[in-house]
Amino acid sequence: MTLAVERIEQTRAALGTALADQDWEAVARLDLECRQHVDAAMLEPMDDDSDLKRSLEGLLMLYRQLVQEVTRQRENVAEEIIRVNRSHKGAKVYQLFG
C-alpha cells in the first residue's frame, strides 16, 4: 500500500468517526484533507492501482452516507424552523387579543 493510499485510509477512518459523532467541523476539515490526499494519489505513479481503487470505493461509500446524513439533518432543521415560525405566529395572535 502506497503512502497516498494509507493517508486516504486514515483520513477516511477519521471522517467516518466524525460523521458518527456528528462533529461537522471535523467533517469539513477532514473533507478537505481527503481531497488533498486523493489529488496527491492521482499524481503518484503506481504499478498496481488496485489498493487505490479499493480505497477510493470505500471513500465513495462513506461520502454517500455523509450526504444522506447531511440531507436528513437539513430536513430536521427545516422542520424545526417551520415549527418555530408557527409558534411565533401563534404568539402574535395571542398578543393581539391579550
Protein backbone atom coordinates (compact mmCIF):
# COMPACT_ATOMS: atom_id res chain seq x y z
CA MET A 1 0.00 0.00 0.00
CA THR A 2 1.43 3.35 -1.00
CA LEU A 3 1.74 6.33 1.29
CA ALA A 4 -1.03 8.16 -0.59
CA VAL A 5 -3.42 5.24 -0.12
CA GLU A 6 -2.50 4.98 3.57
CA ARG A 7 -3.29 8.67 4.03
CA ILE A 8 -6.63 8.28 2.28
CA GLU A 9 -7.48 5.31 4.50
CA GLN A 10 -6.50 7.14 7.70
CA THR A 11 -8.47 10.22 6.75
CA ARG A 12 -11.45 8.11 5.68
CA ALA A 13 -11.47 6.38 9.07
CA ALA A 14 -11.31 9.73 10.87
CA LEU A 15 -14.07 11.10 8.63
CA GLY A 16 -16.24 8.09 9.46
CA THR A 17 -15.73 8.71 13.16
CA ALA A 18 -16.53 12.41 12.79
CA LEU A 19 -19.70 11.52 10.89
CA ALA A 20 -20.76 9.03 13.57
CA ASP A 21 -20.15 11.72 16.22
CA GLN A 22 -21.89 14.34 14.06
CA ASP A 23 -18.83 16.56 14.50
CA TRP A 24 -19.49 18.78 11.49
CA GLU A 25 -16.40 20.95 12.00
CA ALA A 26 -14.19 17.87 11.89
CA VAL A 27 -16.13 16.58 8.86
CA ALA A 28 -15.41 19.82 6.99
CA ARG A 29 -11.72 19.73 7.88
CA LEU A 30 -11.35 16.04 7.02
CA ASP A 31 -13.20 16.55 3.74
CA LEU A 32 -10.50 19.00 2.68
CA GLU A 33 -7.81 16.56 3.77
CA CYS A 34 -9.44 13.77 1.76
CA ARG A 35 -9.48 15.94 -1.33
CA GLN A 36 -5.80 16.75 -0.91
CA HIS A 37 -4.86 13.10 -0.40
CA VAL A 38 -6.89 11.99 -3.43
CA ASP A 39 -5.24 14.68 -5.56
CA ALA A 40 -1.81 13.52 -4.35
CA ALA A 41 -2.68 9.89 -5.06
CA MET A 42 -3.68 10.75 -8.62
CA LEU A 43 -0.24 12.25 -9.22
CA GLU A 44 1.66 9.36 -7.67
CA PRO A 45 2.93 6.76 -10.16
CA MET A 46 1.69 3.24 -9.39
CA ASP A 47 2.37 -0.16 -10.86
CA ASP A 48 -0.76 -1.64 -9.33
CA ASP A 49 -3.67 0.67 -8.62
CA SER A 50 -5.94 -1.95 -7.02
CA ASP A 51 -5.29 -0.65 -3.49
CA LEU A 52 -6.08 2.88 -4.60
CA LYS A 53 -9.24 1.73 -6.35
CA ARG A 54 -10.42 -0.15 -3.25
CA SER A 55 -9.64 2.83 -1.04
CA LEU A 56 -11.49 5.26 -3.30
CA GLU A 57 -14.51 2.94 -3.45
CA GLY A 58 -14.60 2.91 0.35
CA LEU A 59 -14.33 6.68 0.38
CA LEU A 60 -17.20 6.93 -2.11
CA MET A 61 -19.41 4.75 0.10
CA LEU A 62 -18.60 6.94 3.10
CA TYR A 63 -19.44 10.10 1.14
CA ARG A 64 -22.80 8.58 0.20
CA GLN A 65 -23.51 8.05 3.89
CA LEU A 66 -22.36 11.57 4.61
CA VAL A 67 -24.68 13.06 2.00
CA GLN A 68 -27.61 11.05 3.38
CA GLU A 69 -26.92 12.21 6.93
CA VAL A 70 -26.46 15.86 5.94
CA THR A 71 -29.71 15.73 3.96
CA ARG A 72 -31.51 14.26 6.96
CA GLN A 73 -30.05 16.92 9.26
CA ARG A 74 -31.06 19.68 6.84
CA GLU A 75 -34.63 18.35 6.72
CA ASN A 76 -34.77 18.23 10.52
CA VAL A 77 -33.58 21.83 10.77
CA ALA A 78 -36.13 22.93 8.16
CA GLU A 79 -38.93 21.23 10.11
CA GLU A 80 -37.78 22.89 13.32
CA ILE A 81 -37.73 26.31 11.64
CA ILE A 82 -41.29 25.75 10.41
CA ARG A 83 -42.39 24.83 13.96
CA VAL A 84 -40.71 27.90 15.43
CA ASN A 85 -42.30 30.16 12.83
CA ARG A 86 -45.76 28.69 13.55
CA SER A 87 -45.26 29.14 17.27
CA HIS A 88 -44.13 32.71 16.72
CA LYS A 89 -47.23 33.46 14.60
CA GLY A 90 -49.45 31.89 17.24
CA ALA A 91 -47.85 34.04 19.93
CA LYS A 92 -48.53 37.15 17.86
CA VAL A 93 -52.23 36.25 17.69
CA TYR A 94 -52.38 35.92 21.48
CA GLN A 95 -50.64 39.28 21.85
CA LEU A 96 -53.22 40.95 19.62
CA PHE A 97 -56.13 39.67 21.70
CA GLY A 98 -54.37 39.51 25.05
